[in-house]
Amino acid sequence: MLCGWYGKGLGLDPNSDPGRNASSGRRLAFSQAGRLGMARVACLATLVTAVSANAGPTLVAQHMDPFVSGSDLGTTGTAQVRNQQTPQGSQVMETLPAGRPPSGGWVDGADTSSLWLEIADGGDAGEARLAGPGTLTSEGIAGFRIGATFTSIQSRLSPKGRYSSQDRDWDTAACEIYSTADGRADAMIEDGKLTRLAVYDRRLMTPEGIRVGSSESALAAAYGKALRKVPNPYNESGVDYLLWTAPDRGFLFGVYRGKVVEIRVGGQAIQYVEGCL
């Protein structure tokens, strides 16, 4: 099954026998097409291996990596989508904002040393601006983007919230904190939307390599003068560092005894002292 076939300049017929295309030397051409930006295979669902009676798996199954779902990938900053897998001589088709979860399949870049994401709806984005499941940005983490509705992420959260588990009459839509099902973060919900993630898990780190357990000196080296030091409201021995990446997005790094012990990401909610206040 081929879901969206475009053989630009290759003369490949999507209705023809894959074995005949392969025997005529087109299989090699297709394997190089990902690097040269000449072919696009777009599929919004899982790729299905189609088997011909004589030819075996189709070219798509042999030459495309598995697709990456939107919950597994985001952008660490604005990322350019180009018409070829190289910044040299290619054209910018669109710009992905930070945090947008693209879908597509990994392909080699034109220099063969870089990876590019072949976007399902056309174009390619370079690996440098793509965030995997373990990357923490001011827009959130994989599967949890700041601003997402509670209903869209509810299945990936713990069934009981922090406050409603103590008060059955608590208005969970107005303010509630849930742990993510995988235990990687605490998610704050305000007025039915995700406004903050608080991370205590060392598996998650920023694009600059800062995670829980990083030293205060490493934090300063990573962000320099962009950090703003503020008092920790709970402990005189602790200190917080704010880093705003946009007017309504940022990080708060909680530091105690020279080590990062908490990282918050989101909007103004990262500065709350207690609950949603």
C-alpha atoms as a PDB file:
ATOM      1  CA  MET A   1       0.000   0.000   0.000  1.00  0.00           C
ATOM      2  CA  LEU A   2       1.447   3.354  -1.034  1.00  0.00           C
ATOM      3  CA  CYS A   3      -0.039   6.392   0.659  1.00  0.00           C
ATOM      4  CA  GLY A   4       0.959   9.382  -1.427  1.00  0.00           C
ATOM      5  CA  TRP A   5       3.686   8.744  -4.035  1.00  0.00           C
ATOM      6  CA  TYR A   6       5.575  11.464  -5.814  1.00  0.00           C
ATOM      7  CA  GLY A   7       8.452  10.448  -8.115  1.00  0.00           C
ATOM      8  CA  LYS A   8       9.628  13.857  -9.262  1.00  0.00           C
ATOM      9  CA  GLY A   9      11.881  13.506 -12.261  1.00  0.00           C
ATOM     10  CA  LEU A  10      12.233   9.759 -11.793  1.00  0.00           C
ATOM     11  CA  GLY A  11       9.534   8.631 -14.177  1.00  0.00           C
ATOM     12  CA  LEU A  12       8.191   6.127 -11.656  1.00  0.00           C
ATOM     13  CA  ASP A  13       4.627   4.992 -12.182  1.00  0.00           C
ATOM     14  CA  PRO A  14       2.831   4.369  -8.864  1.00  0.00           C
ATOM     15  CA  ASN A  15       0.612   1.825 -10.574  1.00  0.00           C
ATOM     16  CA  SER A  16       3.465  -0.124 -12.135  1.00  0.00           C
ATOM     17  CA  ASP A  17       4.995  -3.309 -10.771  1.00  0.00           C
ATOM     18  CA  PRO A  18       7.692  -2.473  -8.156  1.00  0.00           C
ATOM     19  CA  GLY A  19       9.770  -5.393  -9.416  1.00  0.00           C
ATOM     20  CA  ARG A  20       9.829  -3.993 -12.952  1.00  0.00           C
ATOM     21  CA  ASN A  21      10.949  -0.585 -11.661  1.00  0.00           C
ATOM     22  CA  ALA A  22      13.660  -2.254  -9.606  1.00  0.00           C
ATOM     23  CA  SER A  23      14.923  -4.431 -12.431  1.00  0.00           C
ATOM     24  CA  SER A  24      15.275  -1.408 -14.699  1.00  0.00           C
ATOM     25  CA  GLY A  25      17.655   0.243 -12.258  1.00  0.00           C
ATOM     26  CA  ARG A  26      15.081   2.583 -10.723  1.00  0.00           C
ATOM     27  CA  ARG A  27      15.453   0.987  -7.262  1.00  0.00           C
ATOM     28  CA  LEU A  28      18.891   2.604  -6.890  1.00  0.00           C
ATOM     29  CA  ALA A  29      17.538   5.905  -8.161  1.00  0.00           C
ATOM     30  CA  PHE A  30      14.812   5.809  -5.533  1.00  0.00           C
ATOM     31  CA  SER A  31      17.244   5.000  -2.739  1.00  0.00           C
ATOM     32  CA  GLN A  32      19.181   8.157  -3.610  1.00  0.00           C
ATOM     33  CA  ALA A  33      16.067  10.241  -4.054  1.00  0.00           C
ATOM     34  CA  GLY A  34      15.756  10.918  -0.336  1.00  0.00           C
ATOM     35  CA  ARG A  35      19.159  12.627  -0.386  1.00  0.00           C
ATOM     36  CA  LEU A  36      18.538  14.571  -3.552  1.00  0.00           C
ATOM     37  CA  GLY A  37      15.034  15.682  -2.639  1.00  0.00           C
ATOM     38  CA  MET A  38      13.628  14.133  -5.829  1.00  0.00           C
ATOM     39  CA  ALA A  39      11.062  11.868  -4.253  1.00  0.00           C
ATOM     40  CA  ARG A  40       8.465  12.205  -1.569  1.00  0.00           C
ATOM     41  CA  VAL A  41       6.537   9.454   0.099  1.00  0.00           C
ATOM     42  CA  ALA A  42       3.873  10.988   2.272  1.00  0.00           C
ATOM     43  CA  CYS A  43       1.831   8.974   4.698  1.00  0.00           C
ATOM     44  CA  LEU A  44      -0.124  10.234   7.697  1.00  0.00           C
ATOM     45  CA  ALA A  45      -0.491   6.745   9.136  1.00  0.00           C
ATOM     46  CA  THR A  46       1.869   3.865   9.787  1.00  0.00           C
ATOM     47  CA  LEU A  47       3.595   2.641   6.663  1.00  0.00           C
ATOM     48  CA  VAL A  48       2.306  -0.723   5.551  1.00  0.00           C
ATOM     49  CA  THR A  49       4.661  -3.106   3.804  1.00  0.00           C
ATOM     50  CA  ALA A  50       3.127  -4.043   0.482  1.00  0.00           C
ATOM     51  CA  VAL A  51       4.306  -7.329  -0.930  1.00  0.00           C
ATOM     52  CA  SER A  52       4.271  -8.191  -4.605  1.00  0.00           C
ATOM     53  CA  ALA A  53       4.105 -11.804  -5.693  1.00  0.00           C
ATOM     54  CA  ASN A  54       7.527 -11.622  -7.343  1.00  0.00           C
ATOM     55  CA  ALA A  55       9.188  -8.471  -6.066  1.00  0.00           C
ATOM     56  CA  GLY A  56       8.969  -8.713  -2.273  1.00  0.00           C
ATOM     57  CA  PRO A  57       8.599  -5.506  -0.162  1.00  0.00           C
ATOM     58  CA  THR A  58       8.049  -2.308  -2.096  1.00  0.00           C
ATOM     59  CA  LEU A  59      10.695   0.388  -2.480  1.00  0.00           C
ATOM     60  CA  VAL A  60       8.949   2.440   0.188  1.00  0.00           C
ATOM     61  CA  ALA A  61       9.362  -0.232   2.839  1.00  0.00           C
ATOM     62  CA  GLN A  62      12.999  -0.804   1.879  1.00  0.00           C
ATOM     63  CA  HIS A  63      14.191   2.777   1.654  1.00  0.00           C
ATOM     64  CA  MET A  64      12.171   4.815   4.131  1.00  0.00           C
ATOM     65  CA  ASP A  65      12.674   4.731   7.892  1.00  0.00           C
ATOM     66  CA  PRO A  66       9.623   4.286  10.122  1.00  0.00           C
ATOM     67  CA  PHE A  67       7.512   7.399  10.487  1.00  0.00           C
ATOM     68  CA  VAL A  68       7.836   9.456  13.641  1.00  0.00           C
ATOM     69  CA  SER A  69       4.537  10.338  15.255  1.00  0.00           C
ATOM     70  CA  GLY A  70       3.691  13.835  16.395  1.00  0.00           C
ATOM     71  CA  SER A  71       3.900  12.804  20.047  1.00  0.00           C
ATOM     72  CA  ASP A  72       7.539  11.764  19.627  1.00  0.00           C
ATOM     73  CA  LEU A  73       8.994  14.860  18.049  1.00  0.00           C
ATOM     74  CA  GLY A  74       8.941  18.626  18.311  1.00  0.00           C
ATOM     75  CA  THR A  75      11.129  21.562  17.326  1.00  0.00           C
ATOM     76  CA  THR A  76      13.697  23.108  19.663  1.00  0.00           C
ATOM     77  CA  GLY A  77      13.364  26.436  17.888  1.00  0.00           C
ATOM     78  CA  THR A  78      12.082  27.754  14.610  1.00  0.00           C
ATOM     79  CA  ALA A  79      12.984  25.172  11.964  1.00  0.00           C
ATOM     80  CA  GLN A  80      13.051  25.710   8.233  1.00  0.00           C
ATOM     81  CA  VAL A  81      11.367  23.175   5.988  1.00  0.00           C
ATOM     82  CA  ARG A  82      13.224  22.974   2.671  1.00  0.00           C
ATOM     83  CA  ASN A  83      12.552  21.314  -0.661  1.00  0.00           C
ATOM     84  CA  GLN A  84      15.794  19.300  -0.423  1.00  0.00           C
ATOM     85  CA  GLN A  85      17.817  17.752   2.404  1.00  0.00           C
ATOM     86  CA  THR A  86      20.526  20.417   2.320  1.00  0.00           C
ATOM     87  CA  PRO A  87      20.707  24.118   3.195  1.00  0.00           C
ATOM     88  CA  GLN A  88      22.866  24.783   0.125  1.00  0.00           C
ATOM     89  CA  GLY A  89      20.888  25.627  -3.002  1.00  0.00           C
ATOM     90  CA  SER A  90      17.530  24.538  -1.578  1.00  0.00           C
ATOM     91  CA  GLN A  91      14.429  26.651  -1.100  1.00  0.00           C
ATOM     92  CA  VAL A  92      12.598  27.328   2.171  1.00  0.00           C
ATOM     93  CA  MET A  93       9.016  26.101   1.892  1.00  0.00           C
ATOM     94  CA  GLU A  94       7.802  27.068   5.368  1.00  0.00           C
ATOM     95  CA  THR A  95       9.009  27.722   8.900  1.00  0.00           C
ATOM     96  CA  LEU A  96       7.969  25.528  11.805  1.00  0.00           C
ATOM     97  CA  PRO A  97       7.501  27.387  15.102  1.00  0.00           C
ATOM     98  CA  ALA A  98       9.091  26.036  18.273  1.00  0.00           C
ATOM     99  CA  GLY A  99       7.163  23.143  19.712  1.00  0.00           C
ATOM    100  CA  ARG A 100       5.167  22.237  16.631  1.00  0.00           C
ATOM    101  CA  PRO A 101       5.106  18.412  16.386  1.00  0.00           C
ATOM    102  CA  PRO A 102       5.798  17.457  12.764  1.00  0.00           C
ATOM    103  CA  SER A 103       5.244  13.954  11.407  1.00  0.00           C
ATOM    104  CA  GLY A 104       7.453  12.280   8.863  1.00  0.00           C
ATOM    105  CA  GLY A 105      10.258   9.806   8.269  1.00  0.00           C
ATOM    106  CA  TRP A 106      14.007  10.066   8.805  1.00  0.00           C
ATOM    107  CA  VAL A 107      16.196  10.253   5.695  1.00  0.00           C
ATOM    108  CA  ASP A 108      19.899  10.942   5.082  1.00  0.00           C
ATOM    109  CA  GLY A 109      20.925  14.494   4.263  1.00  0.00           C
ATOM    110  CA  ALA A 110      22.713  15.397   1.049  1.00  0.00           C
ATOM    111  CA  ASP A 111      26.027  15.320   2.925  1.00  0.00           C
ATOM    112  CA  THR A 112      25.201  11.785   4.200  1.00  0.00           C
ATOM    113  CA  SER A 113      26.322  12.773   7.713  1.00  0.00           C
ATOM    114  CA  SER A 114      23.122  14.513   8.838  1.00  0.00           C
ATOM    115  CA  LEU A 115      19.582  13.320   9.346  1.00  0.00           C
ATOM    116  CA  TRP A 116      16.543  15.121   8.026  1.00  0.00           C
ATOM    117  CA  LEU A 117      12.885  14.612   8.778  1.00  0.00           C
ATOM    118  CA  GLU A 118      10.911  14.169   5.553  1.00  0.00           C
ATOM    119  CA  ILE A 119       7.681  15.886   6.553  1.00  0.00           C
ATOM    120  CA  ALA A 120       4.549  13.894   5.809  1.00  0.00           C
ATOM    121  CA  ASP A 121       2.881  16.822   4.051  1.00  0.00           C
ATOM    122  CA  GLY A 122       5.970  17.787   2.027  1.00  0.00           C
ATOM    123  CA  GLY A 123       9.452  19.201   2.572  1.00  0.00           C
ATOM    124  CA  ASP A 124      12.376  18.344   4.843  1.00  0.00           C
ATOM    125  CA  ALA A 125      13.561  19.681   8.209  1.00  0.00           C
ATOM    126  CA  GLY A 126      17.145  19.260   9.475  1.00  0.00           C
ATOM    127  CA  GLU A 127      17.937  17.337  12.658  1.00  0.00           C
ATOM    128  CA  ALA A 128      19.564  20.302  14.421  1.00  0.00           C
ATOM    129  CA  ARG A 129      16.209  21.884  15.238  1.00  0.00           C
ATOM    130  CA  LEU A 130      14.282  18.695  15.965  1.00  0.00           C
ATOM    131  CA  ALA A 131      13.637  17.494  19.485  1.00  0.00           C
ATOM    132  CA  GLY A 132      13.319  13.841  20.399  1.00  0.00           C
ATOM    133  CA  PRO A 133      11.328  12.278  23.251  1.00  0.00           C
ATOM    134  CA  GLY A 134      13.913  13.282  25.870  1.00  0.00           C
ATOM    135  CA  THR A 135      14.181  16.958  24.923  1.00  0.00           C
ATOM    136  CA  LEU A 136      12.701  19.632  27.180  1.00  0.00           C
ATOM    137  CA  THR A 137      11.897  22.997  25.595  1.00  0.00           C
ATOM    138  CA  SER A 138       9.972  26.030  26.788  1.00  0.00           C
ATOM    139  CA  GLU A 139       7.065  24.623  24.742  1.00  0.00           C
ATOM    140  CA  GLY A 140       7.029  21.378  26.736  1.00  0.00           C
ATOM    141  CA  ILE A 141       8.063  17.780  26.107  1.00  0.00           C
ATOM    142  CA  ALA A 142       7.011  15.106  23.641  1.00  0.00           C
ATOM    143  CA  GLY A 143       3.272  14.606  23.923  1.00  0.00           C
ATOM    144  CA  PHE A 144       2.755  17.625  26.202  1.00  0.00           C
ATOM    145  CA  ARG A 145       2.828  21.009  24.509  1.00  0.00           C
ATOM    146  CA  ILE A 146       2.126  24.119  26.571  1.00  0.00           C
ATOM    147  CA  GLY A 147      -1.337  25.394  25.661  1.00  0.00           C
ATOM    148  CA  ALA A 148      -2.740  21.943  24.851  1.00  0.00           C
ATOM    149  CA  THR A 149      -6.259  21.285  26.054  1.00  0.00           C
ATOM    150  CA  PHE A 150      -6.727  19.012  29.032  1.00  0.00           C
ATOM    151  CA  THR A 151      -8.942  16.663  27.031  1.00  0.00           C
ATOM    152  CA  SER A 152      -6.224  16.165  24.404  1.00  0.00           C
ATOM    153  CA  ILE A 153      -3.638  14.992  26.969  1.00  0.00           C
ATOM    154  CA  GLN A 154      -5.860  13.495  29.660  1.00  0.00           C
ATOM    155  CA  SER A 155      -5.162   9.902  28.615  1.00  0.00           C
ATOM    156  CA  ARG A 156      -1.438  10.463  29.270  1.00  0.00           C
ATOM    157  CA  LEU A 157      -1.952  11.868  32.770  1.00  0.00           C
ATOM    158  CA  SER A 158      -2.571  10.198  36.111  1.00  0.00           C
ATOM    159  CA  PRO A 159      -6.290   9.668  36.778  1.00  0.00           C
ATOM    160  CA  LYS A 160      -6.243  11.719  39.989  1.00  0.00           C
ATOM    161  CA  GLY A 161      -4.957  15.229  40.445  1.00  0.00           C
ATOM    162  CA  ARG A 162      -3.016  16.564  43.430  1.00  0.00           C
ATOM    163  CA  TYR A 163      -5.793  18.761  44.783  1.00  0.00           C
ATOM    164  CA  SER A 164      -8.903  16.845  43.740  1.00  0.00           C
ATOM    165  CA  SER A 165      -7.592  13.729  45.459  1.00  0.00           C
ATOM    166  CA  GLN A 166      -7.784  15.671  48.726  1.00  0.00           C
ATOM    167  CA  ASP A 167     -10.973  17.618  48.023  1.00  0.00           C
ATOM    168  CA  ARG A 168     -13.754  15.951  46.034  1.00  0.00           C
ATOM    169  CA  ASP A 169     -15.356  19.340  45.336  1.00  0.00           C
ATOM    170  CA  TRP A 170     -12.175  20.806  43.857  1.00  0.00           C
ATOM    171  CA  ASP A 171     -12.660  22.565  40.509  1.00  0.00           C
ATOM    172  CA  THR A 172     -10.168  20.600  38.403  1.00  0.00           C
ATOM    173  CA  ALA A 173     -10.894  22.646  35.274  1.00  0.00           C
ATOM    174  CA  ALA A 174      -9.856  25.878  37.009  1.00  0.00           C
ATOM    175  CA  CYS A 175      -6.606  24.617  38.540  1.00  0.00           C
ATOM    176  CA  GLU A 176      -5.102  21.170  38.986  1.00  0.00           C
ATOM    177  CA  ILE A 177      -1.741  19.399  38.877  1.00  0.00           C
ATOM    178  CA  TYR A 178      -1.397  15.892  37.446  1.00  0.00           C
ATOM    179  CA  SER A 179       1.612  13.640  37.136  1.00  0.00           C
ATOM    180  CA  THR A 180       2.290  12.387  33.643  1.00  0.00           C
ATOM    181  CA  ALA A 181       1.566   8.662  33.301  1.00  0.00           C
ATOM    182  CA  ASP A 182       5.266   7.927  32.722  1.00  0.00           C
ATOM    183  CA  GLY A 183       6.251   9.901  35.823  1.00  0.00           C
ATOM    184  CA  ARG A 184       8.549  12.287  33.967  1.00  0.00           C
ATOM    185  CA  ALA A 185       6.814  15.536  34.927  1.00  0.00           C
ATOM    186  CA  ASP A 186       3.976  17.266  36.757  1.00  0.00           C
ATOM    187  CA  ALA A 187       1.474  19.032  34.501  1.00  0.00           C
ATOM    188  CA  MET A 188      -0.429  22.117  35.626  1.00  0.00           C
ATOM    189  CA  ILE A 189      -3.896  22.643  34.152  1.00  0.00           C
ATOM    190  CA  GLU A 190      -5.522  26.072  34.305  1.00  0.00           C
ATOM    191  CA  ASP A 191      -8.907  26.831  32.777  1.00  0.00           C
ATOM    192  CA  GLY A 192      -8.782  23.557  30.875  1.00  0.00           C
ATOM    193  CA  LYS A 193      -5.306  24.052  29.344  1.00  0.00           C
ATOM    194  CA  LEU A 194      -1.729  22.963  30.084  1.00  0.00           C
ATOM    195  CA  THR A 195       0.171  25.992  31.358  1.00  0.00           C
ATOM    196  CA  ARG A 196       3.250  24.494  33.046  1.00  0.00           C
ATOM    197  CA  LEU A 197       5.370  21.380  33.318  1.00  0.00           C
ATOM    198  CA  ALA A 198       7.587  20.785  36.348  1.00  0.00           C
ATOM    199  CA  VAL A 199      10.378  18.266  35.750  1.00  0.00           C
ATOM    200  CA  TYR A 200      12.386  16.331  38.335  1.00  0.00           C
ATOM    201  CA  ASP A 201      13.485  13.492  36.043  1.00  0.00           C
ATOM    202  CA  ARG A 202      17.108  13.344  34.866  1.00  0.00           C
ATOM    203  CA  ARG A 203      16.046  11.670  31.602  1.00  0.00           C
ATOM    204  CA  LEU A 204      14.760  14.988  30.262  1.00  0.00           C
ATOM    205  CA  MET A 205      17.155  17.761  29.264  1.00  0.00           C
ATOM    206  CA  THR A 206      17.143  21.050  27.408  1.00  0.00           C
ATOM    207  CA  PRO A 207      18.662  21.348  23.905  1.00  0.00           C
ATOM    208  CA  GLU A 208      21.741  22.831  25.626  1.00  0.00           C
ATOM    209  CA  GLY A 209      22.162  19.721  27.768  1.00  0.00           C
ATOM    210  CA  ILE A 210      20.859  21.034  31.103  1.00  0.00           C
ATOM    211  CA  ARG A 211      18.922  18.551  33.235  1.00  0.00           C
ATOM    212  CA  VAL A 212      18.099  17.870  36.867  1.00  0.00           C
ATOM    213  CA  GLY A 213      21.475  17.201  38.474  1.00  0.00           C
ATOM    214  CA  SER A 214      23.405  19.652  36.290  1.00  0.00           C
ATOM    215  CA  SER A 215      25.700  22.011  38.168  1.00  0.00           C
ATOM    216  CA  GLU A 216      24.971  25.694  38.636  1.00  0.00           C
ATOM    217  CA  SER A 217      28.179  26.475  36.744  1.00  0.00           C
ATOM    218  CA  ALA A 218      27.016  24.348  33.781  1.00  0.00           C
ATOM    219  CA  LEU A 219      23.719  26.221  33.802  1.00  0.00           C
ATOM    220  CA  ALA A 220      25.547  29.561  33.694  1.00  0.00           C
ATOM    221  CA  ALA A 221      27.818  28.341  30.905  1.00  0.00           C
ATOM    222  CA  ALA A 222      24.837  27.177  28.839  1.00  0.00           C
ATOM    223  CA  TYR A 223      22.769  30.368  29.053  1.00  0.00           C
ATOM    224  CA  GLY A 224      25.051  33.117  30.325  1.00  0.00           C
ATOM    225  CA  LYS A 225      23.567  36.570  30.730  1.00  0.00           C
ATOM    226  CA  ALA A 226      20.164  35.417  29.490  1.00  0.00           C
ATOM    227  CA  LEU A 227      19.535  33.972  32.968  1.00  0.00           C
ATOM    228  CA  ARG A 228      17.890  36.151  35.605  1.00  0.00           C
ATOM    229  CA  LYS A 229      18.555  35.223  39.210  1.00  0.00           C
ATOM    230  CA  VAL A 230      15.597  35.415  41.619  1.00  0.00           C
ATOM    231  CA  PRO A 231      15.230  34.354  45.287  1.00  0.00           C
ATOM    232  CA  ASN A 232      13.851  30.908  46.021  1.00  0.00           C
ATOM    233  CA  PRO A 233      10.605  31.388  47.996  1.00  0.00           C
ATOM    234  CA  TYR A 234      11.055  28.217  50.070  1.00  0.00           C
ATOM    235  CA  ASN A 235      14.701  27.967  50.986  1.00  0.00           C
ATOM    236  CA  GLU A 236      17.296  30.648  51.657  1.00  0.00           C
ATOM    237  CA  SER A 237      19.982  28.217  50.501  1.00  0.00           C
ATOM    238  CA  GLY A 238      18.284  27.815  47.147  1.00  0.00           C
ATOM    239  CA  VAL A 239      18.053  30.092  44.148  1.00  0.00           C
ATOM    240  CA  ASP A 240      15.948  30.213  40.989  1.00  0.00           C
ATOM    241  CA  TYR A 241      17.031  31.249  37.518  1.00  0.00           C
ATOM    242  CA  LEU A 242      14.518  32.504  34.969  1.00  0.00           C
ATOM    243  CA  LEU A 243      15.122  32.246  31.231  1.00  0.00           C
ATOM    244  CA  TRP A 244      12.513  33.684  28.877  1.00  0.00           C
ATOM    245  CA  THR A 245      12.600  32.402  25.282  1.00  0.00           C
ATOM    246  CA  ALA A 246       9.524  34.425  24.270  1.00  0.00           C
ATOM    247  CA  PRO A 247       7.201  36.898  26.039  1.00  0.00           C
ATOM    248  CA  ASP A 248       4.970  34.021  27.149  1.00  0.00           C
ATOM    249  CA  ARG A 249       7.387  31.062  27.219  1.00  0.00           C
ATOM    250  CA  GLY A 250      10.340  30.283  29.389  1.00  0.00           C
ATOM    251  CA  PHE A 251      12.261  28.119  31.856  1.00  0.00           C
ATOM    252  CA  LEU A 252      12.674  28.307  35.592  1.00  0.00           C
ATOM    253  CA  PHE A 253      15.664  26.369  36.948  1.00  0.00           C
ATOM    254  CA  GLY A 254      15.510  25.640  40.670  1.00  0.00           C
ATOM    255  CA  VAL A 255      19.008  25.305  42.131  1.00  0.00           C
ATOM    256  CA  TYR A 256      19.914  24.004  45.590  1.00  0.00           C
ATOM    257  CA  ARG A 257      23.456  23.616  46.889  1.00  0.00           C
ATOM    258  CA  GLY A 258      24.913  24.183  43.449  1.00  0.00           C
ATOM    259  CA  LYS A 259      22.754  21.628  41.612  1.00  0.00           C
ATOM    260  CA  VAL A 260      19.622  21.923  39.454  1.00  0.00           C
ATOM    261  CA  VAL A 261      16.825  20.168  41.366  1.00  0.00           C
ATOM    262  CA  GLU A 262      13.789  21.258  39.336  1.00  0.00           C
ATOM    263  CA  ILE A 263      13.070  22.626  35.872  1.00  0.00           C
ATOM    264  CA  ARG A 264       9.780  24.309  35.039  1.00  0.00           C
ATOM    265  CA  VAL A 265       8.691  25.212  31.516  1.00  0.00           C
ATOM    266  CA  GLY A 266       5.695  27.130  30.240  1.00  0.00           C
ATOM    267  CA  GLY A 267       4.242  30.603  30.562  1.00  0.00           C
ATOM    268  CA  GLN A 268       3.841  32.880  33.583  1.00  0.00           C
ATOM    269  CA  ALA A 269       2.832  29.829  35.622  1.00  0.00           C
ATOM    270  CA  ILE A 270       6.497  28.869  35.981  1.00  0.00           C
ATOM    271  CA  GLN A 271       6.766  31.684  38.561  1.00  0.00           C
ATOM    272  CA  TYR A 272       3.868  30.560  40.754  1.00  0.00           C
ATOM    273  CA  VAL A 273       4.862  30.078  44.376  1.00  0.00           C
ATOM    274  CA  GLU A 274       2.034  27.844  45.544  1.00  0.00           C
ATOM    275  CA  GLY A 275      -0.425  25.963  43.364  1.00  0.00           C
ATOM    276  CA  CYS A 276      -1.886  28.203  40.691  1.00  0.00           C
ATOM    277  CA  LEU A 277      -0.925  31.370  42.547  1.00  0.00           C
END
